[in-house]
């Protein structure tokens, strides 16, 4: 049914056009980049294991070096899978009032909207672990976006070999998190399901939610709120789920940043220079870029890196890495959004 409401082919073609091909590189340079990224991911696995104490099963999540269209297609596929239940719910509600022309026009409009989003992100994402990808015995897959990595290293004038390994350390940490902690994927899936269950397709209630979201849209554009578009148009119950997901994502991103900075000095000579320049790059450039980042929640994601890293460092400083690793024992041990900002509260709750 998803094909009737979103034209995924149009979304992918639109996103590919917006993202563009990326920086110009020779065939030899492209081969070198791909080889270094694959080697960097493989080299990162034991480094992450030694630093964190997490042991990931071998061969359960492949590493793929992709171009921008490859990343866009992978995320369109993932997006279609995740929102499938929402679309089914909406179509069941609409029932017989739909017609072929309405579906055709609507699917193209939403296809363009999704394509614009994927196109913006497709030119910026360096890497991504997709925990919801399932193959034969696979527990997700790691995507490294070669042209974006090359663009970023050129932009901040980083040593290419050092920067590529630095990116691999961060993304490999995510792969290890999900493959060493099998219940983590199911937990996140349950939160997605909760968001789906919270979708109210009653026209009157949906209109009220949208009206409230649009009323607060000016605050988002002007920077008076740090919420994203998703949160603006969410119900109170959905915002509770978003808060739980924010706590988990802050943990995962912060943990990966701590691993990058902890392992980096041993194997990456220019790590301090890379971190300084990359943090500046994360702030965005022009006013339009900053607005889009704020609207899409990317500013909030940057806060996740900072707050999550501060949480991990505080906890490790109090109870050591072994004590911190209790966070991976069960879902109840995951920090809440509030505990991310108050790590001592998490230590008291989990360690007593």
C-alpha atoms as a PDB file:
ATOM      1  CA  UNK A   1       0.000   0.000   0.000  1.00  0.00           C
ATOM      2  CA  UNK A   2       2.887   2.377   0.593  1.00  0.00           C
ATOM      3  CA  UNK A   3       3.381   2.807  -3.128  1.00  0.00           C
ATOM      4  CA  UNK A   4      -0.099   4.415  -3.373  1.00  0.00           C
ATOM      5  CA  UNK A   5       0.727   7.215  -0.939  1.00  0.00           C
ATOM      6  CA  UNK A   6       4.421   7.855  -1.623  1.00  0.00           C
ATOM      7  CA  UNK A   7       6.039   7.651  -5.034  1.00  0.00           C
ATOM      8  CA  UNK A   8       9.336   6.170  -3.885  1.00  0.00           C
ATOM      9  CA  UNK A   9      10.829   6.202  -7.355  1.00  0.00           C
ATOM     10  CA  UNK A  10      10.193   9.945  -7.567  1.00  0.00           C
ATOM     11  CA  UNK A  11      11.556  10.417  -4.041  1.00  0.00           C
ATOM     12  CA  UNK A  12      14.807   8.666  -4.919  1.00  0.00           C
ATOM     13  CA  UNK A  13      15.264  10.491  -8.241  1.00  0.00           C
ATOM     14  CA  UNK A  14      14.504  13.856  -6.607  1.00  0.00           C
ATOM     15  CA  UNK A  15      16.911  13.208  -3.746  1.00  0.00           C
ATOM     16  CA  UNK A  16      19.651  12.065  -6.106  1.00  0.00           C
ATOM     17  CA  UNK A  17      19.281  15.224  -8.158  1.00  0.00           C
ATOM     18  CA  UNK A  18      19.349  17.490  -5.073  1.00  0.00           C
ATOM     19  CA  UNK A  19      22.298  15.730  -3.435  1.00  0.00           C
ATOM     20  CA  UNK A  20      24.401  15.724  -6.595  1.00  0.00           C
ATOM     21  CA  UNK A  21      27.284  13.344  -7.239  1.00  0.00           C
ATOM     22  CA  UNK A  22      29.695  14.879  -4.745  1.00  0.00           C
ATOM     23  CA  UNK A  23      33.325  15.919  -5.203  1.00  0.00           C
ATOM     24  CA  UNK A  24      35.219  15.058  -8.363  1.00  0.00           C
ATOM     25  CA  UNK A  25      37.787  12.310  -7.825  1.00  0.00           C
ATOM     26  CA  UNK A  26      39.877  10.211 -10.166  1.00  0.00           C
ATOM     27  CA  UNK A  27      39.288   6.480 -10.563  1.00  0.00           C
ATOM     28  CA  UNK A  28      42.493   5.714  -8.661  1.00  0.00           C
ATOM     29  CA  UNK A  29      41.549   8.068  -5.827  1.00  0.00           C
ATOM     30  CA  UNK A  30      38.064   6.560  -5.610  1.00  0.00           C
ATOM     31  CA  UNK A  31      39.561   3.071  -5.356  1.00  0.00           C
ATOM     32  CA  UNK A  32      41.912   4.275  -2.613  1.00  0.00           C
ATOM     33  CA  UNK A  33      39.065   5.836  -0.626  1.00  0.00           C
ATOM     34  CA  UNK A  34      36.974   2.666  -0.797  1.00  0.00           C
ATOM     35  CA  UNK A  35      39.926   0.477   0.195  1.00  0.00           C
ATOM     36  CA  UNK A  36      40.875   2.744   3.119  1.00  0.00           C
ATOM     37  CA  UNK A  37      37.312   2.876   4.444  1.00  0.00           C
ATOM     38  CA  UNK A  38      36.909  -0.891   4.321  1.00  0.00           C
ATOM     39  CA  UNK A  39      40.287  -1.362   5.995  1.00  0.00           C
ATOM     40  CA  UNK A  40      39.438   1.334   8.544  1.00  0.00           C
ATOM     41  CA  UNK A  41      36.192  -0.380   9.506  1.00  0.00           C
ATOM     42  CA  UNK A  42      37.976  -3.716   9.890  1.00  0.00           C
ATOM     43  CA  UNK A  43      40.778  -2.130  11.904  1.00  0.00           C
ATOM     44  CA  UNK A  44      38.275  -0.360  14.151  1.00  0.00           C
ATOM     45  CA  UNK A  45      36.536  -3.527  15.356  1.00  0.00           C
ATOM     46  CA  UNK A  46      39.246  -4.735  17.780  1.00  0.00           C
ATOM     47  CA  UNK A  47      40.009  -1.151  18.820  1.00  0.00           C
ATOM     48  CA  UNK A  48      36.377  -0.581  19.816  1.00  0.00           C
ATOM     49  CA  UNK A  49      36.224  -3.962  21.553  1.00  0.00           C
ATOM     50  CA  UNK A  50      39.352  -3.283  23.594  1.00  0.00           C
ATOM     51  CA  UNK A  51      38.220   0.199  24.638  1.00  0.00           C
ATOM     52  CA  UNK A  52      34.570  -0.607  25.423  1.00  0.00           C
ATOM     53  CA  UNK A  53      34.623  -4.257  26.450  1.00  0.00           C
ATOM     54  CA  UNK A  54      31.767  -4.957  24.010  1.00  0.00           C
ATOM     55  CA  UNK A  55      32.156  -8.075  21.877  1.00  0.00           C
ATOM     56  CA  UNK A  56      30.245  -8.100  18.590  1.00  0.00           C
ATOM     57  CA  UNK A  57      29.416 -11.274  16.712  1.00  0.00           C
ATOM     58  CA  UNK A  58      31.464 -11.611  13.547  1.00  0.00           C
ATOM     59  CA  UNK A  59      29.784 -11.468  10.153  1.00  0.00           C
ATOM     60  CA  UNK A  60      26.390 -10.301  11.399  1.00  0.00           C
ATOM     61  CA  UNK A  61      26.365  -6.759   9.956  1.00  0.00           C
ATOM     62  CA  UNK A  62      28.160  -6.082   6.657  1.00  0.00           C
ATOM     63  CA  UNK A  63      30.094  -2.889   5.936  1.00  0.00           C
ATOM     64  CA  UNK A  64      29.120  -1.193   2.664  1.00  0.00           C
ATOM     65  CA  UNK A  65      30.976   1.741   1.085  1.00  0.00           C
ATOM     66  CA  UNK A  66      28.357   3.613  -0.946  1.00  0.00           C
ATOM     67  CA  UNK A  67      27.922   6.757  -3.023  1.00  0.00           C
ATOM     68  CA  UNK A  68      25.165   9.312  -2.450  1.00  0.00           C
ATOM     69  CA  UNK A  69      22.542   7.542  -4.598  1.00  0.00           C
ATOM     70  CA  UNK A  70      23.328   4.305  -2.765  1.00  0.00           C
ATOM     71  CA  UNK A  71      22.738   5.944   0.620  1.00  0.00           C
ATOM     72  CA  UNK A  72      19.540   7.561  -0.642  1.00  0.00           C
ATOM     73  CA  UNK A  73      18.151   4.264  -1.976  1.00  0.00           C
ATOM     74  CA  UNK A  74      19.041   2.430   1.239  1.00  0.00           C
ATOM     75  CA  UNK A  75      17.265   5.023   3.367  1.00  0.00           C
ATOM     76  CA  UNK A  76      14.241   5.175   1.080  1.00  0.00           C
ATOM     77  CA  UNK A  77      13.908   1.408   1.492  1.00  0.00           C
ATOM     78  CA  UNK A  78      14.291   1.695   5.263  1.00  0.00           C
ATOM     79  CA  UNK A  79      11.843   4.593   5.456  1.00  0.00           C
ATOM     80  CA  UNK A  80       9.254   2.671   3.451  1.00  0.00           C
ATOM     81  CA  UNK A  81       9.564  -0.274   5.841  1.00  0.00           C
ATOM     82  CA  UNK A  82       9.331   1.843   8.997  1.00  0.00           C
ATOM     83  CA  UNK A  83       6.331   3.948   7.943  1.00  0.00           C
ATOM     84  CA  UNK A  84       4.503   1.085   6.272  1.00  0.00           C
ATOM     85  CA  UNK A  85       2.222   0.463   9.285  1.00  0.00           C
ATOM     86  CA  UNK A  86       1.346   4.181   9.475  1.00  0.00           C
ATOM     87  CA  UNK A  87       0.397   4.260   5.804  1.00  0.00           C
ATOM     88  CA  UNK A  88      -1.702   1.116   6.177  1.00  0.00           C
ATOM     89  CA  UNK A  89      -3.479   2.676   9.138  1.00  0.00           C
ATOM     90  CA  UNK A  90      -4.214   5.871   7.214  1.00  0.00           C
ATOM     91  CA  UNK A  91      -5.486   3.994   4.170  1.00  0.00           C
ATOM     92  CA  UNK A  92      -7.745   1.794   6.254  1.00  0.00           C
ATOM     93  CA  UNK A  93      -9.234   4.947   7.737  1.00  0.00           C
ATOM     94  CA  UNK A  94      -9.676   6.646   4.357  1.00  0.00           C
ATOM     95  CA  UNK A  95     -11.251   3.524   2.888  1.00  0.00           C
ATOM     96  CA  UNK A  96     -13.578   4.032  -0.003  1.00  0.00           C
ATOM     97  CA  UNK A  97     -13.272   7.826  -0.154  1.00  0.00           C
ATOM     98  CA  UNK A  98     -10.013   7.547  -2.088  1.00  0.00           C
ATOM     99  CA  UNK A  99      -9.748   7.447  -5.854  1.00  0.00           C
ATOM    100  CA  UNK A 100      -6.982   6.748  -8.332  1.00  0.00           C
ATOM    101  CA  UNK A 101      -6.332  10.383  -9.234  1.00  0.00           C
ATOM    102  CA  UNK A 102      -6.115  11.476  -5.603  1.00  0.00           C
ATOM    103  CA  UNK A 103      -3.668   8.704  -4.813  1.00  0.00           C
ATOM    104  CA  UNK A 104      -1.569   9.514  -7.877  1.00  0.00           C
ATOM    105  CA  UNK A 105      -1.314  13.239  -7.113  1.00  0.00           C
ATOM    106  CA  UNK A 106      -0.808  12.679  -3.396  1.00  0.00           C
ATOM    107  CA  UNK A 107       1.904  10.092  -3.898  1.00  0.00           C
ATOM    108  CA  UNK A 108       3.857  12.424  -6.175  1.00  0.00           C
ATOM    109  CA  UNK A 109       3.597  15.341  -3.737  1.00  0.00           C
ATOM    110  CA  UNK A 110       4.816  13.241  -0.815  1.00  0.00           C
ATOM    111  CA  UNK A 111       7.450  11.698  -3.067  1.00  0.00           C
ATOM    112  CA  UNK A 112       8.835  15.166  -3.778  1.00  0.00           C
ATOM    113  CA  UNK A 113       8.758  16.065  -0.068  1.00  0.00           C
ATOM    114  CA  UNK A 114      10.551  12.901   1.016  1.00  0.00           C
ATOM    115  CA  UNK A 115      12.992  13.334  -1.862  1.00  0.00           C
ATOM    116  CA  UNK A 116      13.858  16.865  -0.724  1.00  0.00           C
ATOM    117  CA  UNK A 117      14.588  15.586   2.787  1.00  0.00           C
ATOM    118  CA  UNK A 118      16.721  12.680   1.598  1.00  0.00           C
ATOM    119  CA  UNK A 119      18.506  14.942  -0.869  1.00  0.00           C
ATOM    120  CA  UNK A 120      19.516  17.411   1.837  1.00  0.00           C
ATOM    121  CA  UNK A 121      20.750  14.664   4.149  1.00  0.00           C
ATOM    122  CA  UNK A 122      22.298  12.646   1.322  1.00  0.00           C
ATOM    123  CA  UNK A 123      24.930  15.318   0.792  1.00  0.00           C
ATOM    124  CA  UNK A 124      25.910  15.503   4.462  1.00  0.00           C
ATOM    125  CA  UNK A 125      25.785  12.092   6.163  1.00  0.00           C
ATOM    126  CA  UNK A 126      29.245  10.525   6.506  1.00  0.00           C
ATOM    127  CA  UNK A 127      28.150   7.135   7.750  1.00  0.00           C
ATOM    128  CA  UNK A 128      25.184   5.373   9.238  1.00  0.00           C
ATOM    129  CA  UNK A 129      24.385   2.085  10.915  1.00  0.00           C
ATOM    130  CA  UNK A 130      20.999   0.791   9.805  1.00  0.00           C
ATOM    131  CA  UNK A 131      19.780  -1.569  12.546  1.00  0.00           C
ATOM    132  CA  UNK A 132      16.511  -2.338  10.779  1.00  0.00           C
ATOM    133  CA  UNK A 133      18.057  -3.901   7.688  1.00  0.00           C
ATOM    134  CA  UNK A 134      17.584  -7.650   7.730  1.00  0.00           C
ATOM    135  CA  UNK A 135      19.286 -10.093   5.426  1.00  0.00           C
ATOM    136  CA  UNK A 136      20.128 -13.752   5.842  1.00  0.00           C
ATOM    137  CA  UNK A 137      21.378 -13.850   9.417  1.00  0.00           C
ATOM    138  CA  UNK A 138      22.300 -10.141   9.337  1.00  0.00           C
ATOM    139  CA  UNK A 139      21.690  -7.754  12.236  1.00  0.00           C
ATOM    140  CA  UNK A 140      21.789  -4.512  10.285  1.00  0.00           C
ATOM    141  CA  UNK A 141      24.385  -2.988   7.991  1.00  0.00           C
ATOM    142  CA  UNK A 142      26.955  -0.205   8.168  1.00  0.00           C
ATOM    143  CA  UNK A 143      26.968   2.384   5.373  1.00  0.00           C
ATOM    144  CA  UNK A 144      30.004   4.599   4.762  1.00  0.00           C
ATOM    145  CA  UNK A 145      29.257   7.406   2.285  1.00  0.00           C
ATOM    146  CA  UNK A 146      32.537   7.845   0.418  1.00  0.00           C
ATOM    147  CA  UNK A 147      31.882  11.131  -1.459  1.00  0.00           C
ATOM    148  CA  UNK A 148      30.656  12.883   1.702  1.00  0.00           C
ATOM    149  CA  UNK A 149      33.699  11.726   3.642  1.00  0.00           C
ATOM    150  CA  UNK A 150      35.982  13.046   0.903  1.00  0.00           C
ATOM    151  CA  UNK A 151      34.051  16.336   0.804  1.00  0.00           C
ATOM    152  CA  UNK A 152      34.305  16.768   4.591  1.00  0.00           C
ATOM    153  CA  UNK A 153      38.014  15.958   4.790  1.00  0.00           C
ATOM    154  CA  UNK A 154      38.724  18.454   2.016  1.00  0.00           C
ATOM    155  CA  UNK A 155      36.517  21.090   3.604  1.00  0.00           C
ATOM    156  CA  UNK A 156      38.301  20.984   6.962  1.00  0.00           C
ATOM    157  CA  UNK A 157      41.687  20.260   5.364  1.00  0.00           C
ATOM    158  CA  UNK A 158      42.169  17.074   7.381  1.00  0.00           C
ATOM    159  CA  UNK A 159      44.718  14.350   6.739  1.00  0.00           C
ATOM    160  CA  UNK A 160      42.654  11.959   4.561  1.00  0.00           C
ATOM    161  CA  UNK A 161      43.927   8.701   6.045  1.00  0.00           C
ATOM    162  CA  UNK A 162      43.480   9.947   9.619  1.00  0.00           C
ATOM    163  CA  UNK A 163      40.015  11.362   8.932  1.00  0.00           C
ATOM    164  CA  UNK A 164      38.763   8.186   7.280  1.00  0.00           C
ATOM    165  CA  UNK A 165      39.850   6.049  10.214  1.00  0.00           C
ATOM    166  CA  UNK A 166      38.308   8.576  12.619  1.00  0.00           C
ATOM    167  CA  UNK A 167      34.937   8.297  10.869  1.00  0.00           C
ATOM    168  CA  UNK A 168      35.216   4.511  10.829  1.00  0.00           C
ATOM    169  CA  UNK A 169      35.808   4.439  14.589  1.00  0.00           C
ATOM    170  CA  UNK A 170      32.567   6.312  15.224  1.00  0.00           C
ATOM    171  CA  UNK A 171      30.435   4.268  12.846  1.00  0.00           C
ATOM    172  CA  UNK A 172      31.998   0.941  13.821  1.00  0.00           C
ATOM    173  CA  UNK A 173      31.105   1.736  17.431  1.00  0.00           C
ATOM    174  CA  UNK A 174      27.445   1.875  16.378  1.00  0.00           C
ATOM    175  CA  UNK A 175      27.787  -1.464  14.599  1.00  0.00           C
ATOM    176  CA  UNK A 176      29.309  -2.969  17.735  1.00  0.00           C
ATOM    177  CA  UNK A 177      26.602  -1.476  19.949  1.00  0.00           C
ATOM    178  CA  UNK A 178      23.803  -3.158  18.029  1.00  0.00           C
ATOM    179  CA  UNK A 179      25.514  -6.476  17.332  1.00  0.00           C
ATOM    180  CA  UNK A 180      26.931  -6.894  20.841  1.00  0.00           C
ATOM    181  CA  UNK A 181      23.602  -5.939  22.458  1.00  0.00           C
ATOM    182  CA  UNK A 182      20.995  -8.024  20.580  1.00  0.00           C
ATOM    183  CA  UNK A 183      17.955  -6.581  22.377  1.00  0.00           C
ATOM    184  CA  UNK A 184      18.800  -2.995  21.378  1.00  0.00           C
ATOM    185  CA  UNK A 185      17.341  -3.294  17.885  1.00  0.00           C
ATOM    186  CA  UNK A 186      14.092  -4.805  19.184  1.00  0.00           C
ATOM    187  CA  UNK A 187      13.842  -2.056  21.800  1.00  0.00           C
ATOM    188  CA  UNK A 188      14.130   0.706  19.205  1.00  0.00           C
ATOM    189  CA  UNK A 189      11.650  -1.115  16.979  1.00  0.00           C
ATOM    190  CA  UNK A 190       9.191  -1.173  19.874  1.00  0.00           C
ATOM    191  CA  UNK A 191       9.531   2.597  20.216  1.00  0.00           C
ATOM    192  CA  UNK A 192       8.846   3.030  16.501  1.00  0.00           C
ATOM    193  CA  UNK A 193       5.789   0.820  16.892  1.00  0.00           C
ATOM    194  CA  UNK A 194       4.641   2.996  19.808  1.00  0.00           C
ATOM    195  CA  UNK A 195       4.925   6.076  17.614  1.00  0.00           C
ATOM    196  CA  UNK A 196       2.858   4.329  14.939  1.00  0.00           C
ATOM    197  CA  UNK A 197       0.207   3.327  17.476  1.00  0.00           C
ATOM    198  CA  UNK A 198       0.056   6.958  18.579  1.00  0.00           C
ATOM    199  CA  UNK A 199      -0.936   8.207  15.128  1.00  0.00           C
ATOM    200  CA  UNK A 200      -4.515   9.465  15.382  1.00  0.00           C
ATOM    201  CA  UNK A 201      -6.151   9.458  11.973  1.00  0.00           C
ATOM    202  CA  UNK A 202      -9.409  10.973  13.192  1.00  0.00           C
ATOM    203  CA  UNK A 203      -9.730  14.052  10.942  1.00  0.00           C
ATOM    204  CA  UNK A 204     -10.767  16.432  13.740  1.00  0.00           C
ATOM    205  CA  UNK A 205      -8.003  15.362  16.123  1.00  0.00           C
ATOM    206  CA  UNK A 206      -5.438  15.317  13.335  1.00  0.00           C
ATOM    207  CA  UNK A 207      -6.442  18.843  12.330  1.00  0.00           C
ATOM    208  CA  UNK A 208      -6.096  20.057  15.931  1.00  0.00           C
ATOM    209  CA  UNK A 209      -2.616  18.547  16.198  1.00  0.00           C
ATOM    210  CA  UNK A 210      -1.552  20.134  12.908  1.00  0.00           C
ATOM    211  CA  UNK A 211      -2.995  23.506  13.966  1.00  0.00           C
ATOM    212  CA  UNK A 212      -0.985  23.447  17.200  1.00  0.00           C
ATOM    213  CA  UNK A 213       2.121  22.430  15.295  1.00  0.00           C
ATOM    214  CA  UNK A 214       1.760  25.278  12.814  1.00  0.00           C
ATOM    215  CA  UNK A 215       1.119  27.713  15.670  1.00  0.00           C
ATOM    216  CA  UNK A 216       4.521  26.819  17.145  1.00  0.00           C
ATOM    217  CA  UNK A 217       6.298  26.739  13.794  1.00  0.00           C
ATOM    218  CA  UNK A 218       7.359  30.375  14.155  1.00  0.00           C
ATOM    219  CA  UNK A 219       9.198  29.529  17.377  1.00  0.00           C
ATOM    220  CA  UNK A 220      11.171  26.843  15.550  1.00  0.00           C
ATOM    221  CA  UNK A 221      12.091  29.100  12.632  1.00  0.00           C
ATOM    222  CA  UNK A 222      13.186  31.926  14.920  1.00  0.00           C
ATOM    223  CA  UNK A 223      15.183  29.614  17.158  1.00  0.00           C
ATOM    224  CA  UNK A 224      13.015  30.159  20.254  1.00  0.00           C
ATOM    225  CA  UNK A 225      12.548  26.395  20.610  1.00  0.00           C
ATOM    226  CA  UNK A 226      14.926  23.466  20.113  1.00  0.00           C
ATOM    227  CA  UNK A 227      12.211  21.056  19.009  1.00  0.00           C
ATOM    228  CA  UNK A 228      12.088  19.587  15.509  1.00  0.00           C
ATOM    229  CA  UNK A 229       9.249  19.460  12.996  1.00  0.00           C
ATOM    230  CA  UNK A 230       8.497  15.910  14.081  1.00  0.00           C
ATOM    231  CA  UNK A 231       8.012  16.997  17.686  1.00  0.00           C
ATOM    232  CA  UNK A 232       5.884  19.988  16.701  1.00  0.00           C
ATOM    233  CA  UNK A 233       3.320  17.772  15.034  1.00  0.00           C
ATOM    234  CA  UNK A 234       3.427  14.949  17.591  1.00  0.00           C
ATOM    235  CA  UNK A 235       0.765  14.212  20.180  1.00  0.00           C
ATOM    236  CA  UNK A 236       1.632  14.321  23.911  1.00  0.00           C
ATOM    237  CA  UNK A 237       1.878  10.518  23.994  1.00  0.00           C
ATOM    238  CA  UNK A 238       4.178  10.533  20.991  1.00  0.00           C
ATOM    239  CA  UNK A 239       6.380  13.180  22.583  1.00  0.00           C
ATOM    240  CA  UNK A 240       6.893  10.832  25.537  1.00  0.00           C
ATOM    241  CA  UNK A 241       8.132   8.190  23.112  1.00  0.00           C
ATOM    242  CA  UNK A 242      10.346  10.758  21.384  1.00  0.00           C
ATOM    243  CA  UNK A 243      11.866  11.633  24.771  1.00  0.00           C
ATOM    244  CA  UNK A 244      12.692   7.971  25.372  1.00  0.00           C
ATOM    245  CA  UNK A 245      14.230   7.646  21.933  1.00  0.00           C
ATOM    246  CA  UNK A 246      16.192  10.861  22.523  1.00  0.00           C
ATOM    247  CA  UNK A 247      17.709   9.343  25.666  1.00  0.00           C
ATOM    248  CA  UNK A 248      18.766   6.206  23.785  1.00  0.00           C
ATOM    249  CA  UNK A 249      20.142   8.079  20.777  1.00  0.00           C
ATOM    250  CA  UNK A 250      22.059  10.497  23.000  1.00  0.00           C
ATOM    251  CA  UNK A 251      23.637   7.495  24.703  1.00  0.00           C
ATOM    252  CA  UNK A 252      24.587   5.812  21.419  1.00  0.00           C
ATOM    253  CA  UNK A 253      25.972   8.949  19.771  1.00  0.00           C
ATOM    254  CA  UNK A 254      27.802  10.123  22.873  1.00  0.00           C
ATOM    255  CA  UNK A 255      29.282   6.694  23.452  1.00  0.00           C
ATOM    256  CA  UNK A 256      30.585   6.630  19.876  1.00  0.00           C
ATOM    257  CA  UNK A 257      32.136  10.081  20.278  1.00  0.00           C
ATOM    258  CA  UNK A 258      33.861   9.013  23.494  1.00  0.00           C
ATOM    259  CA  UNK A 259      35.264   5.957  21.734  1.00  0.00           C
ATOM    260  CA  UNK A 260      36.525   8.140  18.868  1.00  0.00           C
ATOM    261  CA  UNK A 261      38.319  10.460  21.251  1.00  0.00           C
ATOM    262  CA  UNK A 262      39.524   7.668  23.531  1.00  0.00           C
ATOM    263  CA  UNK A 263      40.984   5.436  20.852  1.00  0.00           C
ATOM    264  CA  UNK A 264      41.955   8.217  18.467  1.00  0.00           C
ATOM    265  CA  UNK A 265      45.184   9.464  20.095  1.00  0.00           C
ATOM    266  CA  UNK A 266      46.674   5.970  19.913  1.00  0.00           C
ATOM    267  CA  UNK A 267      46.161   5.481  16.175  1.00  0.00           C
ATOM    268  CA  UNK A 268      45.337   8.898  14.670  1.00  0.00           C
ATOM    269  CA  UNK A 269      48.169  11.442  15.004  1.00  0.00           C
ATOM    270  CA  UNK A 270      46.031  14.438  13.999  1.00  0.00           C
ATOM    271  CA  UNK A 271      42.924  13.547  16.033  1.00  0.00           C
ATOM    272  CA  UNK A 272      42.892  16.772  18.084  1.00  0.00           C
ATOM    273  CA  UNK A 273      43.031  18.899  14.948  1.00  0.00           C
ATOM    274  CA  UNK A 274      40.265  16.836  13.330  1.00  0.00           C
ATOM    275  CA  UNK A 275      37.997  17.100  16.375  1.00  0.00           C
ATOM    276  CA  UNK A 276      38.432  20.873  16.642  1.00  0.00           C
ATOM    277  CA  UNK A 277      37.704  21.501  12.957  1.00  0.00           C
ATOM    278  CA  UNK A 278      34.876  18.988  12.766  1.00  0.00           C
ATOM    279  CA  UNK A 279      33.056  20.448  15.770  1.00  0.00           C
ATOM    280  CA  UNK A 280      33.113  23.810  14.023  1.00  0.00           C
ATOM    281  CA  UNK A 281      31.782  22.207  10.842  1.00  0.00           C
ATOM    282  CA  UNK A 282      28.912  20.583  12.736  1.00  0.00           C
ATOM    283  CA  UNK A 283      27.504  24.019  13.524  1.00  0.00           C
ATOM    284  CA  UNK A 284      26.411  24.489   9.910  1.00  0.00           C
ATOM    285  CA  UNK A 285      27.314  27.237   7.513  1.00  0.00           C
ATOM    286  CA  UNK A 286      24.786  29.629   5.967  1.00  0.00           C
ATOM    287  CA  UNK A 287      21.477  30.800   7.412  1.00  0.00           C
ATOM    288  CA  UNK A 288      19.432  28.467   5.178  1.00  0.00           C
ATOM    289  CA  UNK A 289      21.571  25.510   6.224  1.00  0.00           C
ATOM    290  CA  UNK A 290      21.097  26.374   9.890  1.00  0.00           C
ATOM    291  CA  UNK A 291      17.338  26.739   9.416  1.00  0.00           C
ATOM    292  CA  UNK A 292      17.063  23.356   7.730  1.00  0.00           C
ATOM    293  CA  UNK A 293      19.181  21.765  10.430  1.00  0.00           C
ATOM    294  CA  UNK A 294      16.927  23.221  13.106  1.00  0.00           C
ATOM    295  CA  UNK A 295      13.733  22.190  11.317  1.00  0.00           C
ATOM    296  CA  UNK A 296      14.930  18.636  10.691  1.00  0.00           C
ATOM    297  CA  UNK A 297      16.176  18.214  14.233  1.00  0.00           C
ATOM    298  CA  UNK A 298      19.857  18.126  13.263  1.00  0.00           C
ATOM    299  CA  UNK A 299      20.680  20.783  15.862  1.00  0.00           C
ATOM    300  CA  UNK A 300      19.107  18.490  18.434  1.00  0.00           C
ATOM    301  CA  UNK A 301      21.248  15.656  17.090  1.00  0.00           C
ATOM    302  CA  UNK A 302      24.363  17.750  17.673  1.00  0.00           C
ATOM    303  CA  UNK A 303      23.192  18.237  21.253  1.00  0.00           C
ATOM    304  CA  UNK A 304      22.857  14.461  21.495  1.00  0.00           C
ATOM    305  CA  UNK A 305      26.555  14.095  20.702  1.00  0.00           C
ATOM    306  CA  UNK A 306      27.550  16.654  23.342  1.00  0.00           C
ATOM    307  CA  UNK A 307      25.163  15.595  26.098  1.00  0.00           C
ATOM    308  CA  UNK A 308      25.592  11.879  25.476  1.00  0.00           C
ATOM    309  CA  UNK A 309      29.383  12.158  25.550  1.00  0.00           C
ATOM    310  CA  UNK A 310      29.231  14.134  28.796  1.00  0.00           C
ATOM    311  CA  UNK A 311      26.972  11.430  30.275  1.00  0.00           C
ATOM    312  CA  UNK A 312      29.330   8.606  29.283  1.00  0.00           C
ATOM    313  CA  UNK A 313      32.429  10.399  30.572  1.00  0.00           C
ATOM    314  CA  UNK A 314      30.779  11.212  33.897  1.00  0.00           C
ATOM    315  CA  UNK A 315      29.556   7.657  34.460  1.00  0.00           C
ATOM    316  CA  UNK A 316      32.879   6.088  33.446  1.00  0.00           C
ATOM    317  CA  UNK A 317      34.629   8.521  35.751  1.00  0.00           C
ATOM    318  CA  UNK A 318      32.410   7.412  38.650  1.00  0.00           C
ATOM    319  CA  UNK A 319      32.077   3.654  38.156  1.00  0.00           C
ATOM    320  CA  UNK A 320      34.567   2.760  35.399  1.00  0.00           C
ATOM    321  CA  UNK A 321      33.863   1.265  31.984  1.00  0.00           C
ATOM    322  CA  UNK A 322      32.637  -2.011  33.467  1.00  0.00           C
ATOM    323  CA  UNK A 323      30.163  -0.110  35.620  1.00  0.00           C
ATOM    324  CA  UNK A 324      29.058   1.971  32.659  1.00  0.00           C
ATOM    325  CA  UNK A 325      28.465  -1.201  30.628  1.00  0.00           C
ATOM    326  CA  UNK A 326      25.542  -2.051  32.898  1.00  0.00           C
ATOM    327  CA  UNK A 327      23.663   0.263  30.547  1.00  0.00           C
ATOM    328  CA  UNK A 328      23.679  -2.595  28.017  1.00  0.00           C
ATOM    329  CA  UNK A 329      22.265  -5.261  30.372  1.00  0.00           C
ATOM    330  CA  UNK A 330      18.566  -4.608  29.768  1.00  0.00           C
ATOM    331  CA  UNK A 331      16.234  -1.871  28.468  1.00  0.00           C
ATOM    332  CA  UNK A 332      15.417  -0.740  32.008  1.00  0.00           C
ATOM    333  CA  UNK A 333      19.074   0.279  32.404  1.00  0.00           C
ATOM    334  CA  UNK A 334      18.961   2.722  29.504  1.00  0.00           C
ATOM    335  CA  UNK A 335      19.130   6.356  30.625  1.00  0.00           C
ATOM    336  CA  UNK A 336      16.115   8.574  30.256  1.00  0.00           C
ATOM    337  CA  UNK A 337      16.359  11.934  28.541  1.00  0.00           C
ATOM    338  CA  UNK A 338      16.510  13.580  31.991  1.00  0.00           C
ATOM    339  CA  UNK A 339      19.246  11.205  33.175  1.00  0.00           C
ATOM    340  CA  UNK A 340      21.373  12.083  30.156  1.00  0.00           C
ATOM    341  CA  UNK A 341      21.530  15.570  31.673  1.00  0.00           C
ATOM    342  CA  UNK A 342      21.955  14.197  35.210  1.00  0.00           C
ATOM    343  CA  UNK A 343      24.268  11.158  34.956  1.00  0.00           C
ATOM    344  CA  UNK A 344      24.637  10.935  38.746  1.00  0.00           C
ATOM    345  CA  UNK A 345      20.907  10.121  38.883  1.00  0.00           C
ATOM    346  CA  UNK A 346      21.467   7.186  36.515  1.00  0.00           C
ATOM    347  CA  UNK A 347      24.358   5.925  38.658  1.00  0.00           C
ATOM    348  CA  UNK A 348      22.181   6.088  41.769  1.00  0.00           C
ATOM    349  CA  UNK A 349      19.297   4.285  40.054  1.00  0.00           C
ATOM    350  CA  UNK A 350      21.325   1.486  38.447  1.00  0.00           C
ATOM    351  CA  UNK A 351      24.171   1.050  40.937  1.00  0.00           C
ATOM    352  CA  UNK A 352      22.234   1.844  44.091  1.00  0.00           C
END
